[in-house]
Structure formats: structure tokens, C-alpha cells
């Protein structure tokens, strides 16, 4: 799933970076690349957390997923608040482009993740278990 999501995010993000560079110059390019990097790091961290908990009980997996999501949203929100209040960052990065590209890349990431998930071969029953009638 990570590969499909990453490929989709990179395709969408790099195209958005090219458009941003033409439309908003170098600050637009930096904003687009920063938005792309943020989405890849935070979304990838969520998939990594789920991957590490794959052999645990469903209850533990749900707890890991919820904790990972809550933690990533809190950290992302904090970084976004710092970025929006940073004059030094605003000098070199177009913050509007950063926000727009981040949203676009998240949609691309999710589309790639859904596409990858729909093509996984996940058995609906366990063949290793002995059947008792």
C-alpha cells in the first residue's frame, strides 16, 4: 500500500510543484515541495505504525491506528501553526501554495492507497486452521 500511495503522491506533488514554480516562482516551488514532504512524512508514519502493529490483536491495531492518527494530527497542526506565524518562513515559502499543494497531495495519497488496497489479495478465511464440523 505504501508504494501505491507514495507513487500517487509523488506524481501529484511533483506536477503541482512544477505548476507552482511557474505560477508563483521560487517561493511557490519551495511551498509545494514542503507541502509534498509534509504529507509524505506524516502519511507514511501512519502506514508505518500500522505495519508495525500488523501481528497484534485487532483491538491493539485499532488503538495504534487511533493514537497514530491523533498524534499525527496534533503534530501537523502544531507545525502548521508555527509555519503560519513564522516571518522567516514566509519570506522564502509561499504559504498559500504550501496549503493548497498539501491538500492536493493528501487526495493523491489517499487515491493511491485506496487503489493499492483494492488490489491486495487478502484471504477472507484462514486456510491453516483445522475445520471442525
Protein backbone atom coordinates (compact mmCIF):
# COMPACT_ATOMS: atom_id res chain seq x y z
CA UNK A 1 0.00 0.00 0.00
CA UNK A 2 2.86 2.36 0.77
CA UNK A 3 4.25 2.02 -2.74
CA UNK A 4 0.93 2.84 -4.44
CA UNK A 5 0.24 5.77 -2.14
CA UNK A 6 3.79 7.12 -2.46
CA UNK A 7 3.80 6.89 -6.25
CA UNK A 8 0.44 8.68 -6.50
CA UNK A 9 1.53 11.37 -4.03
CA UNK A 10 4.82 11.96 -5.84
CA UNK A 11 3.16 12.20 -9.25
CA UNK A 12 0.56 14.65 -7.98
CA UNK A 13 3.03 16.59 -5.82
CA UNK A 14 5.74 16.98 -8.43
CA UNK A 15 3.22 18.13 -11.04
CA UNK A 16 1.82 20.60 -8.51
CA UNK A 17 5.37 21.79 -7.77
CA UNK A 18 6.00 22.42 -11.46
CA UNK A 19 2.76 24.38 -11.81
CA UNK A 20 3.52 26.29 -8.61
CA UNK A 21 7.02 27.18 -9.80
CA UNK A 22 5.60 28.66 -12.99
CA UNK A 23 2.73 30.43 -11.22
CA UNK A 24 4.45 31.69 -8.06
CA UNK A 25 8.17 31.45 -8.77
CA UNK A 26 10.76 30.05 -6.39
CA UNK A 27 8.69 30.64 -3.22
CA UNK A 28 5.87 28.68 -4.86
CA UNK A 29 8.22 25.82 -5.67
CA UNK A 30 9.52 25.71 -2.08
CA UNK A 31 5.97 25.83 -0.73
CA UNK A 32 4.88 22.97 -2.98
CA UNK A 33 7.90 20.83 -2.12
CA UNK A 34 7.44 21.48 1.61
CA UNK A 35 3.75 20.56 1.36
CA UNK A 36 4.64 17.37 -0.51
CA UNK A 37 7.29 16.42 2.05
CA UNK A 38 4.97 17.05 4.99
CA UNK A 39 2.22 14.85 3.57
CA UNK A 40 4.60 12.03 2.64
CA UNK A 41 6.26 12.03 6.08
CA UNK A 42 3.06 12.21 8.10
CA UNK A 43 1.03 9.79 5.98
CA UNK A 44 3.96 7.41 5.72
CA UNK A 45 4.34 7.46 9.50
CA UNK A 46 0.74 6.32 9.84
CA UNK A 47 1.24 3.38 7.49
CA UNK A 48 4.48 2.51 9.28
CA UNK A 49 2.70 2.44 12.65
CA UNK A 50 0.03 0.14 11.24
CA UNK A 51 2.68 -2.06 9.64
CA UNK A 52 4.50 -2.45 12.96
CA UNK A 53 1.27 -3.49 14.68
CA UNK A 54 0.13 -5.93 12.00
CA UNK A 55 0.68 -9.05 14.11
CA UNK A 56 -1.21 -7.79 17.16
CA UNK A 57 -4.86 -8.22 18.07
CA UNK A 58 -7.50 -6.18 16.22
CA UNK A 59 -8.13 -4.18 19.40
CA UNK A 60 -4.46 -3.24 19.64
CA UNK A 61 -4.35 -2.37 15.96
CA UNK A 62 -7.32 -0.05 16.37
CA UNK A 63 -5.67 1.61 19.37
CA UNK A 64 -2.41 2.07 17.43
CA UNK A 65 -4.29 3.48 14.44
CA UNK A 66 -6.25 5.94 16.56
CA UNK A 67 -3.21 7.01 18.60
CA UNK A 68 -1.12 7.39 15.45
CA UNK A 69 -3.80 9.46 13.75
CA UNK A 70 -4.37 11.68 16.78
CA UNK A 71 -0.65 12.20 17.29
CA UNK A 72 -0.01 12.98 13.63
CA UNK A 73 -2.87 15.50 13.50
CA UNK A 74 -1.63 17.21 16.68
CA UNK A 75 1.95 17.44 15.40
CA UNK A 76 0.81 18.54 11.94
CA UNK A 77 -1.42 21.22 13.46
CA UNK A 78 1.39 22.47 15.66
CA UNK A 79 3.82 22.66 12.74
CA UNK A 80 1.21 24.39 10.62
CA UNK A 81 0.60 26.98 13.34
CA UNK A 82 4.36 27.60 13.60
CA UNK A 83 4.66 27.90 9.83
CA UNK A 84 1.80 30.37 9.55
CA UNK A 85 3.29 32.56 12.28
CA UNK A 86 6.88 32.44 11.01
CA UNK A 87 8.01 35.56 9.20
CA UNK A 88 11.30 33.92 8.21
CA UNK A 89 9.47 31.05 6.52
CA UNK A 90 7.02 33.40 4.83
CA UNK A 91 9.92 35.25 3.19
CA UNK A 92 11.09 32.16 1.31
CA UNK A 93 7.98 29.97 1.03
CA UNK A 94 4.58 30.76 -0.43
CA UNK A 95 2.34 29.53 2.40
CA UNK A 96 -0.80 29.55 0.26
CA UNK A 97 0.85 27.20 -2.21
CA UNK A 98 2.03 25.04 0.69
CA UNK A 99 -1.53 24.62 1.96
CA UNK A 100 -3.12 24.03 -1.42
CA UNK A 101 -0.47 21.52 -2.51
CA UNK A 102 -0.67 19.69 0.84
CA UNK A 103 -4.43 19.21 0.36
CA UNK A 104 -3.96 18.08 -3.25
CA UNK A 105 -1.20 15.64 -2.30
CA UNK A 106 -3.31 14.19 0.53
CA UNK A 107 -6.05 13.48 -2.02
CA UNK A 108 -3.50 11.84 -4.32
CA UNK A 109 -2.05 9.83 -1.43
CA UNK A 110 -5.49 8.58 -0.42
CA UNK A 111 -6.39 7.70 -4.01
CA UNK A 112 -3.17 5.70 -4.36
CA UNK A 113 -3.74 3.98 -1.02
CA UNK A 114 -7.31 3.04 -1.94
CA UNK A 115 -6.19 1.80 -5.36
CA UNK A 116 -3.44 -0.32 -3.79
CA UNK A 117 -5.74 -1.68 -1.09
CA UNK A 118 -8.34 -2.71 -3.66
CA UNK A 119 -5.74 -4.86 -5.43
CA UNK A 120 -4.37 -6.69 -2.37
CA UNK A 121 -5.03 -10.39 -2.07
CA UNK A 122 -6.32 -10.67 1.47
CA UNK A 123 -7.90 -14.06 2.26
CA UNK A 124 -11.29 -13.92 3.91
CA UNK A 125 -10.62 -17.09 5.90
CA UNK A 126 -7.57 -18.84 7.33
CA UNK A 127 -6.54 -21.99 5.46
CA UNK A 128 -4.16 -23.07 8.26
CA UNK A 129 -6.94 -23.69 10.75
CA UNK A 130 -8.44 -27.16 11.01
CA UNK A 131 -12.13 -27.20 10.14
CA UNK A 132 -14.39 -28.86 12.71
CA UNK A 133 -17.99 -29.58 11.90
